[in-house]
Every structure is written in C-alpha cells, then in structure tokens.
Amino acid sequence: MYLNETLPGQMTRKELVCIAELAKALPENSTIVELGSLFGKSSVHWAKNAADSVKIYCVDPWKRENWIKPLEKKFNTTFSIDTFWQNIGDSSNVIALQAYSPQDFTDWNIPVDIYFDDSVHINPIFKKNLYFWLDRMKPGGIICGHDYSPDFPDIVEEVNCLAEKLSLPLEIIDKIWIIRLPKDYHSPIYIESKKKSTLPDFEIETHPTDIDSIGSMMNSEELSLLYSLAKNYFSDQGEIVDLGPFLGSSTACFGEGILANKLNIRKSYKRVYSYDLFCYQKYAGFDWLLNRKNLPTGSFFMNYLYNIRKYTNLGLVNITPGDLCKFTWNSNPVEILFIDASKNLNLNDHIVKHFFPSLFPGSIIVQQDYYFYGCPWLYLSMELLKPWVDYIGEAPGATAYFVVNKKIPKILTKNPLLKMINPARAIYYFKQLLRQNQNHSYEHQILLLKFYQYLLDNNNQVLRNEIKSLLSNPNQVSQSDPWSKVYQWNHRQIFGESVAPKKVSKEQTLLPIA
C-alpha cells in the first residue's frame, strides 16, 4: 500500500488508508472521478494504489482564491496545476481536467466506479454535484467524499438524506463518508453506455484518375479512402472539414465523392470546408512537388484554386486561407473531419478544441499523419479519447481513420493535451503498443517508431532498446506488403540511413494555364 503523509493537503493517515483500500479494491479499467484535487495528496493515493488501467479524472479549477493562500503558506507551496502534477509524480493513470463541476460536465457520458467529492462544501453546489454524479454511477459503484463534520453542515445533511433516500448504510472514516451502491443500481448514463455501437461499413472504391494529376503527398489508397467516404458514407448529417488540403487532392476527392454520392444530398453550396496556410515551407515534401522559384510570394494558393476549380465553380467548397490557429469553426455538425494540419502541438490542441465538439456519433475522423514517426500528439490525443472514439482502419501511407461512438464531452476538448496528461501517462499509452505487437505488422512498427521518437524528443532513455529489438531490419522488408516502404522510410528518418522520398508524385512547379 502506498502512503505519503508528507505531501501538502488536509487528510489524515486514516483517511489516506481508506482511499488506498478503496483504490486497491477496484477492478481493471475502472473509472474514478475526484472533485477538488487541490495539491494532489488524495489524487496520488488513488493513483498509486489502483491498477495502471484505472483512469482517475482529477477535477479542479486550480484557481488561486483567497482561501487558498493560508494553505500555501502552511505547506510552503504554490497552488497550481503544475504543483499538482509535481505531486502526482510518475503516476501514469491520472487525467487532470481544469474545470468546474457540474457546469463543465453536463455532457459527461461515461459511467463512474468511484465518485469522490472534496470540492465545494456548501449548497446548492454540493447537492447539485451529488445528484449529478449519482446519475452517472455504475452498478455497485461508490459515492464518497471528504469533510463530513459539523464544520460543513450541508455535507452532513445532504449525505444523510441521500443514504436514507437510497436505503443504504453510511460509512464514516474520520471525515470521509462512503455510500456503496447496490449491484442492481442502474443509472441513466450506465444504461445508455450498454447500447452497442457498430463500426461503419462502406465500400472503398478507387478514386477517379483525374485526381492523380494534382500533386500530393498522399498515396493512392489514402486518396481512395477520402473519395469513398464522401461517396459511400457521407449522409448529409453534417459538413466535411478538410484541414490541410495542400495542392487540393483531398478537396478533389471529397468533391468527386459528393458528386458521385447516390443519396439525396445537397451537392452544391459549401459542402467542403478547407483550411490551409497555402504557404511554401522549406520541407522535403514541399520540394518534391513545388519549385520555390516559381512562387514569387511563397504562396501556392493559386495552384490550389486552379486544381479545385471544378468544385469551386459548383459552389461546393468554402476556403479559409491563413493560419488555422486564428480561425474557428461555425459549430455546425461535422460528419467527416480530415486532419492533415496537425503539424505541431498547438495546432493539435486548436483542432481538438474547435472542431471535435461538433463531431457526433457516427462522425469520421481521418488522421493523415497517424502512421508517421513524428506528431506523437496525434497518437496521444486519440488514446485519450478512446472511450468515445473507435479505431476503424488504415490506408497505406500514413492514414488512420476513426468513428465517434458517443458524443465527446467538451471538457476533453477545452483543456490542452499536455495539461491533461503527464509524461508518465503518455508513456503508458505508448507502452500499450509493446503489449499489442504480436504480429509485428509494419504499420504497428511505425507506431513504435513514433514512440521511439517521442522518447528521443523528451531525452528519455527508457525502453529504447526494447523498442529497437522489435523493429524489422529496413533493408529486409517484405516488398509485397504495401506498408513495407512506408515503414522503411520512417525507420530511415529516425536512424539516419539514406532516405528516398516518402512518396514520388507528379511535380507541380508552375501554375497550369486553363
């Protein structure tokens, strides 16, 4: 049992033992919600005593109110989310949500095994939280909290009232109160969570060959996926968002797919929303397809417009040129979200914050750089959202695509990724790859390369040799596997061997003349 009484906080040893015992009794893959995590003393005791697979959502605004200042002085520390993470240390099962309950959780739809309240101790907020989270508990779940004492009469009154209402015994350990729900308790959210979701079933067809005249860093299979999503899956329940179309191949795939769609959908006026900087950058991928000397201002926007002129003439495309981080979304539902713009962490956070809230059950997310050794935030973001998003499949090149199985709570999109998880959590997500790598597929090994690159970026020596031992020799790959060359390219990027272009595609050095 882990116990650490030296951390700043207001819990007795007996109360910490109680938390540790509750945590140890939880089965694998359980969910804890803790309100009022403060400096992290109780949080780390949940984390260290529960299984690694247990997710602990720690909720606190981490805002320095006047009542905090005496505690900072008492414990000689500062109150912030950074201090919280310092005290959490290397615990790998904590997810921090900087928020207020219940107002920031109205769309929370994952059932909870343990709810622990040490936040607002007075009504009406305490009572609102109590009954809000009661509606989100699992059968046999535990509702509990801190500060059951005469100093906080609202807690005593409401907890007594709830125990009486449910006809359940109330346990008191120092100032911790505990109510254990019966095995036949079925909350509304639990009932909803038991509904089965199915993976989308649609035919992937070859994209029209005309699209191949547009310079692209995507493989043929990736282009065919985008075309087929628009043709055989898109049902007009939302919009198609095209983030990072470059010279227009993704836009063209979506445009052709919409025109070929056999459903009675609207085929004009802003069906595809495209965002790109449309600005040359000194990067190998750009140099394979563009000649900087032929771009007087560095912009290739006119090339893009020429390549998609068929679809703009039909009014299908709404184009937003410029820095994506300066633009938002109009809040319309999004049915297909194509992402080839998440080139850094800030862009990733911006995309998740502004576009993911408009996804709905059945929406498709296409992550074009998922199977690319860089961009580790893509993998981490999708792992964080796993309860709400299912992996569907991949297209040789770098693409993975996912389906939303239930509405993603907005609080999971508002907080920056690296404020919600610590390096230990990131490594936990990546370490799942080591357990899953049974067949040593090339696409799986590309994710291991992404893990290796993450460790390099963070100057972390852990697991590097183990990862390398699982990797295939890039000079001995199977040429019959469409992922083999992709793996070979990614491997050589990291380990410094001579590198051939990732994708040989038609160079578009000059703007064609119509």
Protein backbone atom coordinates (compact mmCIF):
# COMPACT_ATOMS: atom_id res chain seq x y z
CA MET A 1 0.00 0.00 0.00
CA TYR A 2 1.31 3.43 -0.98
CA LEU A 3 1.11 6.12 1.74
CA ASN A 4 2.75 9.54 1.75
CA GLU A 5 1.76 11.91 4.54
CA THR A 6 4.43 14.49 3.65
CA LEU A 7 2.56 15.89 0.65
CA PRO A 8 0.62 19.13 1.15
CA GLY A 9 -3.04 18.51 1.91
CA GLN A 10 -5.63 18.14 4.62
CA MET A 11 -6.09 14.39 5.04
CA THR A 12 -5.21 12.23 7.99
CA ARG A 13 -3.30 8.97 7.75
CA LYS A 14 -6.52 7.06 8.46
CA GLU A 15 -8.26 8.82 5.59
CA LEU A 16 -5.37 8.12 3.21
CA VAL A 17 -5.51 4.44 4.17
CA CYS A 18 -9.23 4.48 3.39
CA ILE A 19 -8.61 5.93 -0.07
CA ALA A 20 -5.83 3.43 -0.71
CA GLU A 21 -8.07 0.49 0.21
CA LEU A 22 -10.91 1.70 -1.99
CA ALA A 23 -8.50 2.14 -4.88
CA LYS A 24 -6.90 -1.30 -4.44
CA ALA A 25 -10.31 -2.97 -4.49
CA LEU A 26 -11.21 -1.60 -7.92
CA PRO A 27 -11.18 -3.97 -10.90
CA GLU A 28 -9.10 -3.28 -14.01
CA ASN A 29 -10.28 -0.49 -16.33
CA SER A 30 -12.37 1.24 -13.68
CA THR A 31 -13.10 4.97 -13.67
CA ILE A 32 -12.66 7.38 -10.74
CA VAL A 33 -13.84 10.99 -10.73
CA GLU A 34 -12.33 13.16 -7.99
CA LEU A 35 -13.61 16.70 -7.45
CA GLY A 36 -11.33 19.14 -5.64
CA SER A 37 -7.92 17.59 -6.24
CA LEU A 38 -6.13 20.65 -4.82
CA PHE A 39 -2.40 19.85 -4.35
CA GLY A 40 -2.87 16.20 -5.35
CA LYS A 41 -2.48 14.44 -2.00
CA SER A 42 -5.63 12.35 -2.28
CA SER A 43 -5.18 12.03 -6.07
CA VAL A 44 -1.79 10.36 -5.85
CA HIS A 45 -3.16 7.88 -3.31
CA TRP A 46 -5.93 6.90 -5.70
CA ALA A 47 -3.36 6.62 -8.48
CA LYS A 48 -0.62 4.68 -6.71
CA ASN A 49 -2.96 2.14 -5.17
CA ALA A 50 -5.20 1.49 -8.17
CA ALA A 51 -4.23 -0.61 -11.18
CA ASP A 52 -2.50 1.19 -14.04
CA SER A 53 -5.56 0.60 -16.24
CA VAL A 54 -7.82 2.55 -13.84
CA LYS A 55 -8.47 6.08 -15.12
CA ILE A 56 -8.59 8.82 -12.47
CA TYR A 57 -10.13 12.07 -13.70
CA CYS A 58 -8.96 14.75 -11.29
CA VAL A 59 -11.12 17.87 -11.45
CA ASP A 60 -10.16 21.27 -10.07
CA PRO A 61 -10.16 24.82 -11.45
CA TRP A 62 -6.69 25.32 -9.90
CA LYS A 63 -7.56 28.97 -9.43
CA ARG A 64 -5.93 30.87 -6.55
CA GLU A 65 -8.87 32.02 -4.42
CA ASN A 66 -8.33 33.88 -1.15
CA TRP A 67 -8.97 30.76 0.95
CA ILE A 68 -6.04 29.02 -0.78
CA LYS A 69 -3.39 31.50 0.36
CA PRO A 70 -3.23 30.34 4.04
CA LEU A 71 -2.79 26.75 2.78
CA GLU A 72 0.06 27.81 0.52
CA LYS A 73 1.73 29.46 3.49
CA LYS A 74 1.06 26.49 5.78
CA PHE A 75 2.55 23.94 3.36
CA ASN A 76 5.18 26.26 1.87
CA THR A 77 3.99 25.63 -1.68
CA THR A 78 2.08 27.27 -4.51
CA PHE A 79 -1.36 26.28 -5.74
CA SER A 80 -1.44 25.49 -9.46
CA ILE A 81 -1.95 22.64 -11.87
CA ASP A 82 1.84 22.47 -12.24
CA THR A 83 2.22 21.89 -8.49
CA PHE A 84 -0.47 19.22 -8.73
CA TRP A 85 1.47 17.41 -11.45
CA GLN A 86 4.71 17.64 -9.44
CA ASN A 87 2.99 15.89 -6.53
CA ILE A 88 1.44 13.26 -8.81
CA GLY A 89 4.99 12.35 -9.86
CA ASP A 90 5.30 9.28 -12.06
CA SER A 91 1.72 8.06 -11.62
CA SER A 92 0.52 7.04 -15.06
CA ASN A 93 -3.24 6.78 -14.58
CA VAL A 94 -4.23 10.40 -13.85
CA ILE A 95 -6.05 12.72 -16.25
CA ALA A 96 -6.33 16.31 -14.98
CA LEU A 97 -9.34 18.39 -16.00
CA GLN A 98 -9.12 22.08 -15.17
CA ALA A 99 -12.83 22.77 -14.75
CA TYR A 100 -15.83 23.36 -12.53
CA SER A 101 -18.38 20.69 -11.70
CA PRO A 102 -21.16 20.19 -12.56
CA GLN A 103 -21.44 23.00 -15.13
CA ASP A 104 -18.46 21.86 -17.23
CA PHE A 105 -19.61 18.22 -17.25
CA THR A 106 -23.22 18.42 -18.42
CA ASP A 107 -22.41 16.16 -21.39
CA TRP A 108 -20.33 13.61 -19.44
CA ASN A 109 -21.45 10.19 -20.67
CA ILE A 110 -19.02 7.63 -19.22
CA PRO A 111 -20.22 5.67 -16.14
CA VAL A 112 -18.14 6.01 -12.98
CA ASP A 113 -16.98 3.42 -10.41
CA ILE A 114 -15.95 5.85 -7.66
CA TYR A 115 -17.04 9.45 -7.24
CA PHE A 116 -15.09 11.37 -4.57
CA ASP A 117 -16.12 14.93 -3.69
CA ASP A 118 -13.76 17.27 -1.86
CA SER A 119 -14.68 20.43 -3.75
CA VAL A 120 -17.43 22.93 -2.86
CA HIS A 121 -18.75 22.12 0.63
CA ILE A 122 -21.92 24.20 0.63
CA ASN A 123 -25.26 24.11 -1.13
CA PRO A 124 -26.55 24.48 -3.73
CA ILE A 125 -23.37 23.29 -5.49
CA PHE A 126 -22.62 20.35 -3.19
CA LYS A 127 -26.14 18.97 -3.65
CA LYS A 128 -26.06 19.55 -7.41
CA ASN A 129 -22.80 17.62 -7.72
CA LEU A 130 -24.06 14.81 -5.53
CA TYR A 131 -27.11 14.07 -7.65
CA PHE A 132 -25.46 14.92 -10.96
CA TRP A 133 -22.80 12.26 -10.47
CA LEU A 134 -25.27 9.79 -8.91
CA ASP A 135 -26.87 9.68 -12.38
CA ARG A 136 -23.52 8.61 -13.81
CA MET A 137 -22.57 5.76 -11.47
CA LYS A 138 -22.05 2.10 -12.32
CA PRO A 139 -23.86 -0.74 -10.52
CA GLY A 140 -22.01 -1.36 -7.26
CA GLY A 141 -20.28 1.99 -7.57
CA ILE A 142 -19.10 4.05 -4.59
CA ILE A 143 -20.08 7.64 -3.84
CA CYS A 144 -17.85 9.21 -1.24
CA GLY A 145 -16.20 12.43 -0.18
CA HIS A 146 -14.35 14.40 2.45
CA ASP A 147 -15.23 16.77 5.31
CA TYR A 148 -18.25 15.06 6.80
CA SER A 149 -18.17 17.11 10.00
CA PRO A 150 -20.11 19.78 11.93
CA ASP A 151 -17.93 22.39 10.22
CA PHE A 152 -19.79 21.64 6.99
CA PRO A 153 -23.47 21.09 7.87
CA ASP A 154 -24.61 20.98 4.22
CA ILE A 155 -22.41 17.94 3.60
CA VAL A 156 -23.74 16.15 6.69
CA GLU A 157 -27.35 16.94 5.82
CA GLU A 158 -27.18 16.00 2.13
CA VAL A 159 -25.18 12.82 2.66
CA ASN A 160 -27.55 11.65 5.41
CA CYS A 161 -30.50 12.46 3.19
CA LEU A 162 -29.05 10.54 0.22
CA ALA A 163 -28.27 7.45 2.31
CA GLU A 164 -31.80 7.49 3.70
CA LYS A 165 -33.34 8.05 0.28
CA LEU A 166 -31.43 5.08 -1.19
CA SER A 167 -31.97 2.97 1.98
CA LEU A 168 -28.23 2.34 2.13
CA PRO A 169 -25.81 2.36 5.09
CA LEU A 170 -23.48 5.30 5.53
CA GLU A 171 -19.84 4.63 6.44
CA ILE A 172 -17.76 7.31 8.20
CA ILE A 173 -13.95 7.08 8.49
CA ASP A 174 -12.63 10.20 10.20
CA LYS A 175 -14.12 12.83 7.86
CA ILE A 176 -14.57 10.57 4.82
CA TRP A 177 -18.12 9.48 4.07
CA ILE A 178 -18.93 6.45 1.89
CA ILE A 179 -22.15 5.15 0.30
CA ARG A 180 -21.88 1.88 -1.63
CA LEU A 181 -24.49 1.49 -4.34
CA PRO A 182 -26.16 -1.90 -4.85
CA LYS A 183 -25.27 -4.16 -7.77
CA ASP A 184 -28.69 -3.59 -9.30
CA TYR A 185 -28.35 0.20 -9.34
CA HIS A 186 -28.59 1.26 -13.00
CA SER A 187 -28.01 4.97 -13.55
CA PRO A 188 -29.24 6.64 -16.77
CA ILE A 189 -25.70 7.05 -18.11
CA TYR A 190 -24.86 3.42 -17.30
CA ILE A 191 -27.95 2.21 -19.16
CA GLU A 192 -27.06 4.38 -22.16
CA SER A 193 -23.46 3.10 -22.13
CA LYS A 194 -24.61 -0.51 -22.58
CA LYS A 195 -26.01 0.20 -26.03
CA LYS A 196 -23.84 -1.45 -28.64
CA SER A 197 -22.17 0.66 -31.29
CA THR A 198 -21.17 -0.80 -34.64
CA LEU A 199 -18.26 0.12 -36.87
CA PRO A 200 -19.18 1.78 -40.17
CA ASP A 201 -19.46 -0.50 -43.18
CA PHE A 202 -18.86 1.18 -46.53
CA GLU A 203 -17.17 0.18 -49.78
CA ILE A 204 -13.76 1.67 -50.56
CA GLU A 205 -13.54 2.35 -54.28
CA THR A 206 -10.69 3.59 -56.43
CA HIS A 207 -10.72 7.36 -56.78
CA PRO A 208 -11.11 8.95 -60.24
CA THR A 209 -7.79 9.01 -62.08
CA ASP A 210 -8.13 12.73 -62.87
CA ILE A 211 -7.26 13.47 -59.25
CA ASP A 212 -3.80 11.96 -59.77
CA SER A 213 -2.86 15.00 -61.85
CA ILE A 214 -2.83 17.02 -58.62
CA GLY A 215 0.48 16.85 -56.79
CA SER A 216 0.01 15.05 -53.48
CA MET A 217 1.98 13.60 -50.60
CA MET A 218 -0.76 11.00 -50.08
CA ASN A 219 -0.72 7.51 -51.55
CA SER A 220 -3.39 6.23 -53.91
CA GLU A 221 -5.05 4.21 -51.11
CA GLU A 222 -5.37 7.31 -48.95
CA LEU A 223 -6.99 9.29 -51.77
CA SER A 224 -9.40 6.43 -52.45
CA LEU A 225 -10.41 6.39 -48.78
CA LEU A 226 -11.34 10.08 -48.86
CA TYR A 227 -13.25 9.69 -52.12
CA SER A 228 -15.14 6.66 -50.77
CA LEU A 229 -16.03 8.36 -47.50
CA ALA A 230 -17.70 11.18 -49.43
CA LYS A 231 -19.33 8.85 -51.98
CA ASN A 232 -20.36 5.84 -49.89
CA TYR A 233 -20.54 7.06 -46.29
CA PHE A 234 -21.42 10.77 -46.21
CA SER A 235 -25.13 11.10 -45.41
CA ASP A 236 -25.63 14.88 -45.16
CA GLN A 237 -25.91 14.87 -41.36
CA GLY A 238 -23.04 17.34 -41.09
CA GLU A 239 -20.29 19.02 -43.04
CA ILE A 240 -16.96 17.79 -44.42
CA VAL A 241 -13.96 19.64 -42.97
CA ASP A 242 -10.72 19.44 -44.93
CA LEU A 243 -7.77 20.57 -42.77
CA GLY A 244 -4.54 20.82 -44.77
CA PRO A 245 -5.52 20.14 -48.42
CA PHE A 246 -2.10 21.38 -49.71
CA LEU A 247 -2.47 21.44 -53.52
CA GLY A 248 -6.05 20.18 -53.41
CA SER A 249 -6.03 16.39 -53.74
CA SER A 250 -8.10 15.86 -50.59
CA THR A 251 -10.56 18.59 -51.62
CA ALA A 252 -10.90 17.00 -55.06
CA CYS A 253 -11.52 13.56 -53.53
CA PHE A 254 -14.28 14.93 -51.35
CA GLY A 255 -15.74 16.93 -54.25
CA GLU A 256 -15.83 13.95 -56.61
CA GLY A 257 -17.23 11.74 -53.86
CA ILE A 258 -20.09 14.14 -53.14
CA LEU A 259 -20.94 14.39 -56.85
CA ALA A 260 -20.99 10.56 -57.09
CA ASN A 261 -22.96 10.09 -53.85
CA LYS A 262 -26.22 8.23 -54.64
CA LEU A 263 -28.14 9.59 -51.64
CA ASN A 264 -30.45 12.54 -51.97
CA ILE A 265 -27.95 15.02 -50.53
CA ARG A 266 -27.29 18.66 -51.33
CA LYS A 267 -24.48 18.78 -53.89
CA SER A 268 -23.86 22.49 -54.00
CA TYR A 269 -23.01 25.43 -51.77
CA LYS A 270 -20.29 24.85 -49.23
CA ARG A 271 -20.22 21.11 -48.62
CA VAL A 272 -16.44 21.01 -48.04
CA TYR A 273 -14.70 23.48 -45.71
CA SER A 274 -10.98 23.67 -46.50
CA TYR A 275 -8.34 25.33 -44.33
CA ASP A 276 -4.65 25.73 -45.18
CA LEU A 277 -1.82 28.22 -44.82
CA PHE A 278 -1.07 27.75 -48.55
CA CYS A 279 2.45 28.97 -47.92
CA TYR A 280 5.68 27.30 -49.03
CA GLN A 281 7.86 25.93 -46.24
CA LYS A 282 11.36 24.53 -46.59
CA TYR A 283 10.41 20.90 -46.18
CA ALA A 284 11.21 17.88 -48.31
CA GLY A 285 7.57 17.13 -49.07
CA PHE A 286 7.05 20.61 -50.50
CA ASP A 287 10.27 20.46 -52.51
CA TRP A 288 9.21 17.23 -54.24
CA LEU A 289 6.09 18.93 -55.55
CA LEU A 290 6.82 22.65 -55.78
CA ASN A 291 9.65 24.79 -57.10
CA ARG A 292 10.12 27.76 -54.81
CA LYS A 293 11.48 29.82 -57.69
CA ASN A 294 8.08 29.65 -59.35
CA LEU A 295 6.28 31.00 -56.27
CA PRO A 296 7.07 34.74 -56.24
CA THR A 297 5.40 35.39 -52.88
CA GLY A 298 5.86 31.90 -51.44
CA SER A 299 2.13 31.22 -51.72
CA PHE A 300 0.76 28.26 -53.70
CA PHE A 301 -2.85 29.32 -53.15
CA MET A 302 -3.38 29.98 -56.87
CA ASN A 303 -2.19 26.46 -57.66
CA TYR A 304 -4.73 25.10 -55.20
CA LEU A 305 -7.53 27.21 -56.68
CA TYR A 306 -6.69 26.01 -60.18
CA ASN A 307 -6.68 22.36 -59.11
CA ILE A 308 -10.12 22.57 -57.47
CA ARG A 309 -11.75 24.98 -59.94
CA LYS A 310 -14.37 22.35 -60.89
CA TYR A 311 -15.68 22.24 -57.32
CA THR A 312 -15.47 25.97 -56.62
CA ASN A 313 -17.42 26.63 -59.83
CA LEU A 314 -20.14 24.36 -58.41
CA GLY A 315 -20.01 26.20 -55.09
CA LEU A 316 -19.02 23.02 -53.24
CA VAL A 317 -16.01 24.40 -51.39
CA ASN A 318 -15.61 27.10 -48.74
CA ILE A 319 -11.90 28.03 -48.47
CA THR A 320 -10.20 29.61 -45.46
CA PRO A 321 -6.59 30.54 -46.28
CA GLY A 322 -4.26 31.55 -43.46
CA ASP A 323 -3.07 30.47 -40.02
CA LEU A 324 -5.53 27.84 -38.78
CA CYS A 325 -4.95 28.90 -35.16
CA LYS A 326 -6.56 32.25 -35.98
CA PHE A 327 -9.77 30.66 -37.23
CA THR A 328 -12.56 28.70 -35.58
CA TRP A 329 -15.49 26.57 -36.70
CA ASN A 330 -19.09 27.72 -37.10
CA SER A 331 -20.38 24.99 -34.72
CA ASN A 332 -22.33 23.14 -37.45
CA PRO A 333 -22.21 19.34 -37.07
CA VAL A 334 -19.16 17.75 -38.72
CA GLU A 335 -19.66 14.35 -40.32
CA ILE A 336 -16.17 13.88 -41.80
CA LEU A 337 -13.11 15.56 -40.29
CA PHE A 338 -9.93 15.15 -42.34
CA ILE A 339 -6.79 16.27 -40.48
CA ASP A 340 -3.52 16.84 -42.31
CA ALA A 341 -2.72 20.07 -40.48
CA SER A 342 -1.81 18.87 -37.00
CA LYS A 343 1.88 19.54 -37.54
CA ASN A 344 2.61 20.78 -34.02
CA LEU A 345 1.09 20.53 -30.57
CA ASN A 346 -0.55 23.98 -30.71
CA LEU A 347 -2.31 23.11 -33.95
CA ASN A 348 -3.41 19.79 -32.49
CA ASP A 349 -4.89 21.49 -29.40
CA HIS A 350 -6.62 24.09 -31.58
CA ILE A 351 -8.16 21.47 -33.87
CA VAL A 352 -9.41 19.39 -30.95
CA LYS A 353 -10.80 22.46 -29.17
CA HIS A 354 -12.65 23.98 -32.12
CA PHE A 355 -13.66 21.04 -34.34
CA PHE A 356 -14.06 17.97 -32.13
CA PRO A 357 -17.07 19.39 -30.19
CA SER A 358 -19.03 19.38 -33.47
CA LEU A 359 -18.49 15.65 -34.03
CA PHE A 360 -21.40 13.32 -33.26
CA PRO A 361 -21.90 9.54 -33.02
CA GLY A 362 -21.08 8.25 -36.48
CA SER A 363 -18.70 11.08 -37.40
CA ILE A 364 -15.45 10.00 -39.04
CA ILE A 365 -12.03 11.37 -38.04
CA VAL A 366 -9.23 10.85 -40.58
CA GLN A 367 -5.77 11.39 -39.08
CA GLN A 368 -3.46 11.61 -42.09
CA ASP A 369 -0.22 11.69 -40.06
CA TYR A 370 -1.14 8.91 -37.62
CA TYR A 371 1.34 6.42 -39.15
CA PHE A 372 4.20 8.91 -39.34
CA TYR A 373 7.11 8.77 -36.91
CA GLY A 374 6.60 12.41 -35.90
CA CYS A 375 3.49 14.07 -34.45
CA PRO A 376 3.26 11.96 -31.26
CA TRP A 377 0.40 14.18 -30.07
CA LEU A 378 -1.89 12.57 -32.65
CA TYR A 379 -1.48 9.14 -31.11
CA LEU A 380 -1.78 10.52 -27.56
CA SER A 381 -4.92 12.52 -28.37
CA MET A 382 -6.68 9.53 -29.90
CA GLU A 383 -5.69 7.30 -26.98
CA LEU A 384 -7.05 9.87 -24.51
CA LEU A 385 -10.35 9.87 -26.39
CA LYS A 386 -10.59 6.07 -26.71
CA PRO A 387 -13.77 5.76 -24.61
CA TRP A 388 -15.51 7.95 -27.19
CA VAL A 389 -13.71 7.04 -30.43
CA ASP A 390 -13.15 3.66 -32.11
CA TYR A 391 -10.34 2.82 -34.50
CA ILE A 392 -11.68 1.61 -37.86
CA GLY A 393 -8.66 1.02 -40.05
CA GLU A 394 -5.80 2.48 -42.03
CA ALA A 395 -4.71 3.33 -45.57
CA PRO A 396 -1.09 2.69 -46.60
CA GLY A 397 0.86 5.93 -46.43
CA ALA A 398 0.22 7.41 -43.01
CA THR A 399 -3.55 7.46 -42.57
CA ALA A 400 -5.72 6.01 -39.82
CA TYR A 401 -9.43 6.65 -39.52
CA PHE A 402 -11.79 6.51 -36.56
CA VAL A 403 -15.50 6.70 -35.79
CA VAL A 404 -17.06 8.59 -32.90
CA ASN A 405 -19.13 6.11 -30.86
CA LYS A 406 -20.59 8.66 -28.44
CA LYS A 407 -20.50 12.43 -28.13
CA ILE A 408 -17.11 13.62 -26.84
CA PRO A 409 -17.54 15.69 -23.64
CA LYS A 410 -16.48 19.27 -24.29
CA ILE A 411 -14.22 19.33 -21.24
CA LEU A 412 -11.96 16.78 -23.00
CA THR A 413 -11.55 19.25 -25.86
CA LYS A 414 -11.15 22.51 -23.92
CA ASN A 415 -8.03 21.57 -21.97
CA PRO A 416 -4.63 21.43 -23.75
CA LEU A 417 -3.38 17.87 -24.17
CA LEU A 418 -0.26 18.23 -22.02
CA LYS A 419 -2.23 19.87 -19.21
CA MET A 420 -4.46 16.79 -19.07
CA ILE A 421 -1.75 14.13 -19.12
CA ASN A 422 1.80 13.92 -17.76
CA PRO A 423 4.80 12.17 -19.38
CA ALA A 424 4.05 9.02 -17.38
CA ARG A 425 0.55 8.87 -18.89
CA ALA A 426 1.96 9.45 -22.36
CA ILE A 427 4.41 6.57 -21.92
CA TYR A 428 1.57 4.40 -20.57
CA TYR A 429 -0.37 4.98 -23.79
CA PHE A 430 2.67 4.18 -25.92
CA LYS A 431 3.56 1.12 -23.84
CA GLN A 432 0.28 -0.46 -24.91
CA LEU A 433 1.98 -0.90 -28.28
CA LEU A 434 4.61 -3.14 -26.71
CA ARG A 435 1.88 -5.41 -25.35
CA GLN A 436 -0.09 -5.38 -28.62
CA ASN A 437 2.79 -6.01 -31.02
CA GLN A 438 2.01 -9.68 -31.54
CA ASN A 439 2.18 -9.88 -35.33
CA HIS A 440 4.91 -7.25 -35.87
CA SER A 441 2.95 -5.63 -38.72
CA TYR A 442 4.77 -2.77 -40.39
CA GLU A 443 2.08 -0.23 -39.51
CA HIS A 444 2.33 -1.28 -35.87
CA GLN A 445 6.09 -0.89 -36.01
CA ILE A 446 5.64 2.64 -37.39
CA LEU A 447 3.78 3.48 -34.17
CA LEU A 448 6.69 2.00 -32.24
CA LEU A 449 8.95 4.36 -34.19
CA LYS A 450 6.65 7.19 -33.13
CA PHE A 451 7.14 6.04 -29.52
CA TYR A 452 10.90 5.94 -30.04
CA GLN A 453 10.86 9.47 -31.48
CA TYR A 454 8.78 10.67 -28.51
CA LEU A 455 11.43 9.29 -26.14
CA LEU A 456 14.17 11.00 -28.18
CA ASP A 457 12.31 14.31 -28.13
CA ASN A 458 11.97 14.10 -24.36
CA ASN A 459 15.52 12.87 -23.76
CA ASN A 460 14.16 9.71 -22.17
CA GLN A 461 16.32 6.57 -22.27
CA VAL A 462 13.55 4.26 -21.02
CA LEU A 463 12.50 1.36 -23.30
CA ARG A 464 14.54 2.45 -26.33
CA ASN A 465 16.45 -0.81 -26.58
CA GLU A 466 13.27 -2.85 -26.11
CA ILE A 467 11.60 -0.93 -28.94
CA LYS A 468 14.60 -1.38 -31.25
CA SER A 469 14.58 -5.13 -30.62
CA LEU A 470 11.04 -5.34 -32.01
CA LEU A 471 11.78 -3.45 -35.22
CA SER A 472 12.37 -5.13 -38.56
CA ASN A 473 15.57 -4.53 -40.49
CA PRO A 474 14.56 -1.85 -43.03
CA ASN A 475 16.78 -3.47 -45.65
CA GLN A 476 14.93 -6.78 -45.37
CA VAL A 477 11.29 -5.71 -45.58
CA SER A 478 8.68 -7.66 -47.49
CA GLN A 479 8.04 -5.88 -50.77
CA SER A 480 4.60 -7.50 -51.06
CA ASP A 481 3.28 -5.57 -48.06
CA PRO A 482 2.07 -2.05 -49.03
CA TRP A 483 3.23 -0.77 -45.63
CA SER A 484 6.79 -2.03 -46.03
CA LYS A 485 8.14 1.02 -47.90
CA VAL A 486 6.32 3.36 -45.52
CA TYR A 487 7.97 1.60 -42.57
CA GLN A 488 11.32 1.68 -44.35
CA TRP A 489 11.06 5.44 -44.93
CA ASN A 490 10.06 6.17 -41.31
CA HIS A 491 12.84 3.94 -39.94
CA ARG A 492 15.46 5.69 -42.03
CA GLN A 493 14.23 9.12 -40.96
CA ILE A 494 14.90 8.29 -37.30
CA PHE A 495 18.07 6.26 -37.56
CA GLY A 496 19.78 8.36 -40.20
CA GLU A 497 20.22 6.00 -43.14
CA SER A 498 19.97 7.41 -46.64
CA VAL A 499 16.38 8.32 -47.36
CA ALA A 500 14.39 8.10 -50.54
CA PRO A 501 11.30 10.30 -50.95
CA LYS A 502 8.31 9.18 -48.92
CA LYS A 503 6.11 9.46 -51.99
CA VAL A 504 7.05 10.03 -55.60
CA SER A 505 4.30 12.17 -57.07
CA LYS A 506 3.83 14.45 -60.02
CA GLU A 507 5.72 17.71 -59.55
CA GLN A 508 3.63 20.83 -59.96
CA THR A 509 6.17 23.62 -60.39
CA LEU A 510 4.11 26.06 -62.40
CA LEU A 511 0.50 27.15 -62.26
CA PRO A 512 -1.19 25.46 -65.23
CA ILE A 513 -2.84 27.74 -67.74
CA ALA A 514 -6.50 26.92 -68.38
